[in-house]
Amino acid sequence: MSTAIARALNDGLRSLLADHDRVMLIGEDVGRLGGVFRVTDGLQQEFGELRVVDSPLGEAGIVGSAIGLAMAGYRPVCEIQFDGFVFPAMNQIITQLAKYRHRSEGTVSLPVVIRIPFGGGIGAIEHHSESPEAYFAHTAGLRVVCPSSAQEAFDLIRLAVQSEDPVVFLEPKHNYWLKGEVDRDATPLPLGTARVVRAGHDLTLVTYGALVPTAVKVAEEAALDGRSVEVIDLRSLSPIDDATILASVERTGRLVVAHEASQTAGLGAEIIARVQDALFYSMAAPGIRVTGYDTPYPASRLERDWLPGVDRMLDAIDRSFTY
């Protein structure tokens, strides 16, 4: 049966709560309301107020409490209501959560998952359409993952909660209601592994989250011009699956990386640097980035021009073939 990404996340969390009595959910409005995007809908009614906890409005307190719970043997899943609200908790995430395993010489794990609806495209007001992934990917000690489909949402939330490492779980809010088939008994790809969504041999297009369906449309359009584009969904933003990307680019010789976040010091630059370091003499053209602009996220009436789309990605592909 076709399932929306938000519902797949709900199903994944329900199964985790049922299977592991140390799993807890904590966040603003995750209980009675079921979350702003209804990802936790019905879970408090099913598992009780001690397992699905409506927290006060205070992100630092949410993450700080989760760290204490993890030290006591629980596996807390925090919800940050919107991407732009995570910044008050950055001290807890970066200086405590990410570093405690290293600080304790591996004797203490903090299996905390921080769910963050992120990205644009929903016509939201200021602080509701941020793309903060580079902050977390830059921080040693954190895993960062991002699903692009209902199947990946179900698989990745389960893998994230079962991980002994802290995981920042980025949910592309623009695609919450994108539907797809979910096989709950399928063996998922491991954490840290990218996925080839569409095979190709002329150019590699790497992206993640809400832009994966867009990239597939780009590949379909490029095929009309006789260009075979391979689309890779990162799934894991930290660590990055170098092997899958390098194997693809070694075959295609060309690389385009797309993400919603601003360009400067983004993941696109990191991926291109890694590829060109390893495959400089195999590249037919330099890597190209297609990203958001180096400005604060714009008002909703301008976001379609700000976000990478089909036309901008096709233009990057055309430029790659001019070298």
Protein backbone atom coordinates (compact mmCIF):
# COMPACT_ATOMS: atom_id res chain seq x y z
CA MET A 1 0.00 0.00 0.00
CA SER A 2 1.25 3.49 -0.85
CA THR A 3 2.36 5.42 2.26
CA ALA A 4 3.35 9.05 2.82
CA ILE A 5 6.80 9.81 4.26
CA ALA A 6 5.21 11.27 7.42
CA ARG A 7 3.16 8.10 7.93
CA ALA A 8 6.20 5.89 7.28
CA LEU A 9 8.07 7.76 10.02
CA ASN A 10 5.09 7.29 12.31
CA ASP A 11 5.02 3.56 11.57
CA GLY A 12 8.76 3.29 12.19
CA LEU A 13 8.53 5.07 15.53
CA ARG A 14 5.53 2.98 16.57
CA SER A 15 7.43 -0.24 15.87
CA LEU A 16 10.43 1.01 17.86
CA LEU A 17 8.30 1.99 20.84
CA ALA A 18 6.62 -1.41 20.74
CA ASP A 19 9.83 -3.40 20.42
CA HIS A 20 12.11 -1.49 22.81
CA ASP A 21 10.82 -0.29 26.17
CA ARG A 22 13.77 2.11 26.54
CA VAL A 23 12.80 4.14 23.45
CA MET A 24 11.17 7.49 24.31
CA LEU A 25 9.90 10.42 22.28
CA ILE A 26 10.28 13.96 23.60
CA GLY A 27 9.48 17.34 22.08
CA GLU A 28 7.06 20.24 21.81
CA ASP A 29 3.55 18.99 20.94
CA VAL A 30 4.69 15.46 20.05
CA GLY A 31 2.09 13.91 22.35
CA ARG A 32 -1.48 15.14 22.45
CA LEU A 33 -1.19 17.05 19.15
CA GLY A 34 0.90 14.40 17.40
CA GLY A 35 3.47 16.91 16.16
CA VAL A 36 3.05 19.86 13.83
CA PHE A 37 3.36 17.52 10.84
CA ARG A 38 1.54 14.66 12.63
CA VAL A 39 4.59 12.41 12.53
CA THR A 40 3.92 11.28 16.11
CA ASP A 41 0.13 11.18 15.74
CA GLY A 42 -1.53 8.67 18.07
CA LEU A 43 1.68 7.49 19.74
CA GLN A 44 1.06 9.08 23.14
CA GLN A 45 -2.42 7.59 23.26
CA GLU A 46 -0.94 4.17 22.50
CA PHE A 47 2.20 4.23 24.65
CA GLY A 48 1.40 6.77 27.37
CA GLU A 49 2.70 10.11 28.59
CA LEU A 50 5.88 8.61 30.08
CA ARG A 51 7.01 7.24 26.70
CA VAL A 52 5.84 10.12 24.49
CA VAL A 53 6.55 13.30 26.41
CA ASP A 54 5.22 16.78 25.64
CA SER A 55 8.12 19.03 26.64
CA PRO A 56 8.17 22.70 27.57
CA LEU A 57 9.08 25.12 24.79
CA GLY A 58 12.86 25.03 25.07
CA GLU A 59 15.12 23.20 22.63
CA ALA A 60 18.18 23.34 24.89
CA GLY A 61 16.15 21.59 27.59
CA ILE A 62 14.85 18.97 25.16
CA VAL A 63 18.32 17.93 23.99
CA GLY A 64 19.88 18.34 27.44
CA SER A 65 17.21 16.07 28.94
CA ALA A 66 17.78 13.54 26.16
CA ILE A 67 21.50 13.42 26.94
CA GLY A 68 20.73 12.65 30.59
CA LEU A 69 18.20 10.00 29.59
CA ALA A 70 20.73 8.36 27.26
CA MET A 71 23.30 8.26 30.06
CA ALA A 72 20.66 6.47 32.17
CA GLY A 73 20.16 3.80 29.50
CA TYR A 74 17.26 5.18 27.45
CA ARG A 75 17.12 5.80 23.70
CA PRO A 76 15.42 9.18 23.39
CA VAL A 77 14.13 10.54 20.10
CA CYS A 78 13.86 14.33 20.22
CA GLU A 79 11.73 16.39 17.87
CA ILE A 80 12.81 19.93 17.04
CA GLN A 81 9.61 21.44 15.73
CA PHE A 82 11.21 23.40 12.86
CA ASP A 83 14.74 23.60 11.49
CA GLY A 84 15.28 27.21 12.53
CA PHE A 85 14.47 26.33 16.14
CA VAL A 86 17.46 24.00 16.57
CA PHE A 87 20.00 26.75 17.14
CA PRO A 88 19.24 27.27 20.86
CA ALA A 89 20.23 23.62 21.33
CA MET A 90 23.51 23.81 19.39
CA ASN A 91 25.59 23.98 22.57
CA GLN A 92 24.10 20.74 23.85
CA ILE A 93 24.42 19.06 20.43
CA ILE A 94 27.93 20.15 19.50
CA THR A 95 29.78 20.46 22.81
CA GLN A 96 28.09 17.62 24.71
CA LEU A 97 26.19 15.11 22.57
CA ALA A 98 28.78 14.87 19.79
CA LYS A 99 31.79 14.69 22.09
CA TYR A 100 30.81 12.52 25.03
CA ARG A 101 31.77 9.18 23.52
CA HIS A 102 35.22 10.53 22.64
CA ARG A 103 35.55 12.24 26.02
CA SER A 104 34.76 8.98 27.81
CA GLU A 105 37.22 7.04 25.64
CA GLY A 106 34.36 5.03 24.20
CA THR A 107 32.95 3.84 27.50
CA VAL A 108 29.73 5.89 27.32
CA SER A 109 27.46 5.98 24.27
CA LEU A 110 24.70 8.52 23.79
CA PRO A 111 22.16 6.92 21.42
CA VAL A 112 20.09 10.07 20.92
CA VAL A 113 18.18 10.83 17.72
CA ILE A 114 17.30 14.44 16.95
CA ARG A 115 14.51 14.70 14.38
CA ILE A 116 14.45 18.00 12.50
CA PRO A 117 11.95 18.91 9.77
CA PHE A 118 14.16 20.92 7.41
CA GLY A 119 14.30 22.70 4.08
CA GLY A 120 11.98 24.95 2.13
CA GLY A 121 9.23 24.80 -0.42
CA ILE A 122 6.20 25.01 1.88
CA GLY A 123 5.64 28.79 1.88
CA ALA A 124 6.60 29.15 5.53
CA ILE A 125 7.60 32.27 7.45
CA GLU A 126 11.10 33.17 8.67
CA HIS A 127 13.03 30.51 10.65
CA HIS A 128 10.84 27.71 9.24
CA SER A 129 12.79 26.83 6.06
CA GLU A 130 16.42 26.48 7.11
CA SER A 131 18.95 23.94 5.84
CA PRO A 132 21.41 23.54 8.74
CA GLU A 133 22.95 20.23 7.67
CA ALA A 134 26.49 21.57 7.14
CA TYR A 135 26.77 22.57 10.82
CA PHE A 136 26.09 19.00 11.89
CA ALA A 137 28.07 17.27 9.14
CA HIS A 138 31.07 19.41 10.13
CA THR A 139 30.82 18.21 13.74
CA ALA A 140 32.80 15.06 14.48
CA GLY A 141 30.86 12.56 16.56
CA LEU A 142 27.46 13.02 14.91
CA ARG A 143 25.81 10.93 12.25
CA VAL A 144 23.59 12.91 9.89
CA VAL A 145 20.97 11.16 7.77
CA CYS A 146 18.16 12.29 5.47
CA PRO A 147 15.43 10.14 3.87
CA SER A 148 14.01 10.94 0.46
CA SER A 149 11.20 8.38 0.21
CA ALA A 150 8.70 6.55 2.39
CA GLN A 151 10.80 3.38 2.33
CA GLU A 152 13.94 5.28 3.34
CA ALA A 153 12.02 7.13 6.06
CA PHE A 154 10.85 3.86 7.61
CA ASP A 155 14.25 2.21 7.30
CA LEU A 156 16.41 5.12 8.41
CA ILE A 157 14.42 6.06 11.51
CA ARG A 158 14.72 2.48 12.74
CA LEU A 159 18.44 2.32 11.97
CA ALA A 160 19.01 5.72 13.61
CA VAL A 161 17.32 4.75 16.88
CA GLN A 162 19.21 1.46 16.98
CA SER A 163 22.57 3.21 16.43
CA GLU A 164 24.95 3.67 19.36
CA ASP A 165 26.01 7.03 17.91
CA PRO A 166 23.97 10.22 18.17
CA VAL A 167 22.07 10.85 14.94
CA VAL A 168 20.72 14.10 13.50
CA PHE A 169 17.73 12.96 11.47
CA LEU A 170 16.75 15.53 8.84
CA GLU A 171 13.22 15.20 7.45
CA PRO A 172 12.51 17.09 4.19
CA LYS A 173 9.26 18.75 5.14
CA HIS A 174 8.40 19.62 1.53
CA ASN A 175 8.03 15.88 0.84
CA TYR A 176 6.27 14.75 4.03
CA TRP A 177 3.17 13.79 2.00
CA LEU A 178 5.05 12.24 -0.93
CA LYS A 179 3.78 8.66 -1.17
CA GLY A 180 5.57 5.44 -1.99
CA GLU A 181 5.55 1.74 -1.30
CA VAL A 182 7.01 0.53 2.02
CA ASP A 183 8.18 -3.03 2.56
CA ARG A 184 8.44 -3.30 6.34
CA ASP A 185 10.26 -6.63 6.09
CA ALA A 186 12.91 -5.52 3.59
CA THR A 187 16.57 -5.51 4.61
CA PRO A 188 17.62 -1.83 4.60
CA LEU A 189 20.89 -0.44 3.35
CA PRO A 190 23.20 0.20 6.33
CA LEU A 191 23.65 3.63 7.85
CA GLY A 192 26.37 5.52 6.02
CA THR A 193 25.45 4.08 2.62
CA ALA A 194 24.29 6.04 -0.43
CA ARG A 195 21.73 4.70 -2.90
CA VAL A 196 21.80 4.73 -6.71
CA VAL A 197 18.26 5.83 -7.56
CA ARG A 198 18.67 5.82 -11.35
CA ALA A 199 21.55 4.30 -13.29
CA GLY A 200 23.35 6.27 -15.98
CA HIS A 201 26.71 6.53 -17.74
CA ASP A 202 27.25 10.14 -18.92
CA LEU A 203 27.06 12.20 -15.72
CA THR A 204 26.58 11.66 -11.97
CA LEU A 205 23.99 13.82 -10.16
CA VAL A 206 24.31 13.64 -6.36
CA THR A 207 21.68 15.04 -4.01
CA TYR A 208 19.54 14.20 -0.99
CA GLY A 209 16.21 14.82 0.71
CA ALA A 210 13.55 16.82 -1.09
CA LEU A 211 15.68 17.22 -4.22
CA VAL A 212 15.90 13.50 -5.02
CA PRO A 213 12.54 13.40 -6.86
CA THR A 214 13.57 16.59 -8.65
CA ALA A 215 16.85 14.97 -9.70
CA VAL A 216 14.96 12.00 -11.15
CA LYS A 217 12.88 14.42 -13.24
CA VAL A 218 16.10 16.08 -14.37
CA ALA A 219 17.49 12.71 -15.46
CA GLU A 220 14.31 12.01 -17.41
CA GLU A 221 14.52 15.39 -19.15
CA ALA A 222 18.23 14.92 -19.91
CA ALA A 223 17.47 11.52 -21.46
CA LEU A 224 15.34 13.30 -24.08
CA ASP A 225 18.56 15.03 -25.18
CA GLY A 226 20.43 11.74 -25.30
CA ARG A 227 22.27 12.17 -21.98
CA SER A 228 22.29 9.36 -19.46
CA VAL A 229 22.35 10.77 -15.92
CA GLU A 230 23.00 8.62 -12.86
CA VAL A 231 21.18 9.89 -9.76
CA ILE A 232 22.63 9.15 -6.32
CA ASP A 233 20.71 9.76 -3.10
CA LEU A 234 23.26 10.36 -0.33
CA ARG A 235 20.97 9.14 2.50
CA SER A 236 23.89 9.75 4.87
CA LEU A 237 25.36 13.26 5.00
CA SER A 238 27.89 12.22 7.63
CA PRO A 239 29.63 9.97 7.02
CA ILE A 240 29.51 10.39 3.24
CA ASP A 241 29.61 7.20 1.20
CA ASP A 242 32.69 8.00 -0.86
CA ALA A 243 32.86 4.56 -2.44
CA THR A 244 29.46 4.75 -4.16
CA ILE A 245 30.05 8.29 -5.43
CA LEU A 246 33.58 7.61 -6.65
CA ALA A 247 32.58 4.42 -8.45
CA SER A 248 29.87 6.34 -10.30
CA VAL A 249 32.00 9.35 -11.26
CA GLU A 250 34.87 7.13 -12.36
CA ARG A 251 32.47 5.70 -14.94
CA THR A 252 30.72 8.91 -15.96
CA GLY A 253 33.56 11.43 -15.73
CA ARG A 254 31.18 14.25 -14.80
CA LEU A 255 29.62 15.37 -11.51
CA VAL A 256 26.84 17.74 -10.44
CA VAL A 257 25.90 18.08 -6.76
CA ALA A 258 22.61 19.75 -5.75
CA HIS A 259 21.33 20.86 -2.35
CA GLU A 260 18.93 23.46 -0.97
CA ALA A 261 21.41 24.94 1.50
CA SER A 262 23.48 27.98 0.55
CA GLN A 263 26.53 27.27 -1.59
CA THR A 264 29.50 28.49 0.44
CA ALA A 265 31.05 25.75 2.60
CA GLY A 266 28.13 23.43 1.86
CA LEU A 267 28.15 19.68 1.30
CA GLY A 268 28.47 20.20 -2.44
CA ALA A 269 31.93 21.70 -1.99
CA GLU A 270 33.01 18.83 0.26
CA ILE A 271 31.80 16.15 -2.15
CA ILE A 272 33.39 17.79 -5.18
CA ALA A 273 36.70 18.23 -3.31
CA ARG A 274 36.75 14.53 -2.40
CA VAL A 275 35.93 13.43 -5.93
CA GLN A 276 38.47 15.67 -7.63
CA ASP A 277 41.15 14.65 -5.14
CA ALA A 278 40.59 10.97 -5.93
CA LEU A 279 39.64 11.15 -9.62
CA PHE A 280 41.27 14.27 -11.02
CA TYR A 281 42.67 12.50 -14.09
CA SER A 282 39.40 10.62 -14.71
CA MET A 283 37.22 13.75 -14.81
CA ALA A 284 36.06 15.08 -18.17
CA ALA A 285 34.88 18.30 -16.49
CA PRO A 286 35.10 19.93 -13.05
CA GLY A 287 32.36 19.26 -10.54
CA ILE A 288 29.49 21.76 -10.50
CA ARG A 289 27.24 22.82 -7.60
CA VAL A 290 23.55 23.71 -7.88
CA THR A 291 22.44 25.18 -4.56
CA GLY A 292 20.49 27.78 -2.70
CA TYR A 293 21.97 31.26 -2.82
CA ASP A 294 24.28 32.84 -0.24
CA THR A 295 21.48 34.85 1.32
CA PRO A 296 19.06 34.25 4.18
CA TYR A 297 16.09 32.18 3.06
CA PRO A 298 13.70 34.50 1.18
CA ALA A 299 10.04 35.33 1.63
CA SER A 300 7.70 32.62 0.38
CA ARG A 301 6.84 34.42 -2.85
CA LEU A 302 10.50 34.17 -3.91
CA GLU A 303 11.41 30.68 -2.72
CA ARG A 304 10.76 28.96 -6.05
CA ASP A 305 13.44 31.19 -7.59
CA TRP A 306 15.80 30.59 -4.67
CA LEU A 307 15.57 26.80 -4.49
CA PRO A 308 17.37 24.58 -7.02
CA GLY A 309 14.94 23.23 -9.60
CA VAL A 310 14.84 21.25 -12.80
CA ASP A 311 15.96 24.13 -15.03
CA ARG A 312 18.98 25.03 -12.92
CA MET A 313 20.10 21.41 -12.71
CA LEU A 314 19.70 20.94 -16.46
CA ASP A 315 21.72 24.09 -17.02
CA ALA A 316 24.52 22.68 -14.84
CA ILE A 317 24.46 19.46 -16.88
CA ASP A 318 24.71 21.48 -20.10
CA ARG A 319 27.66 23.43 -18.70
CA SER A 320 29.42 20.19 -17.75
CA PHE A 321 29.34 19.08 -21.36
CA THR A 322 30.84 22.35 -22.64
CA TYR A 323 34.28 21.66 -21.10
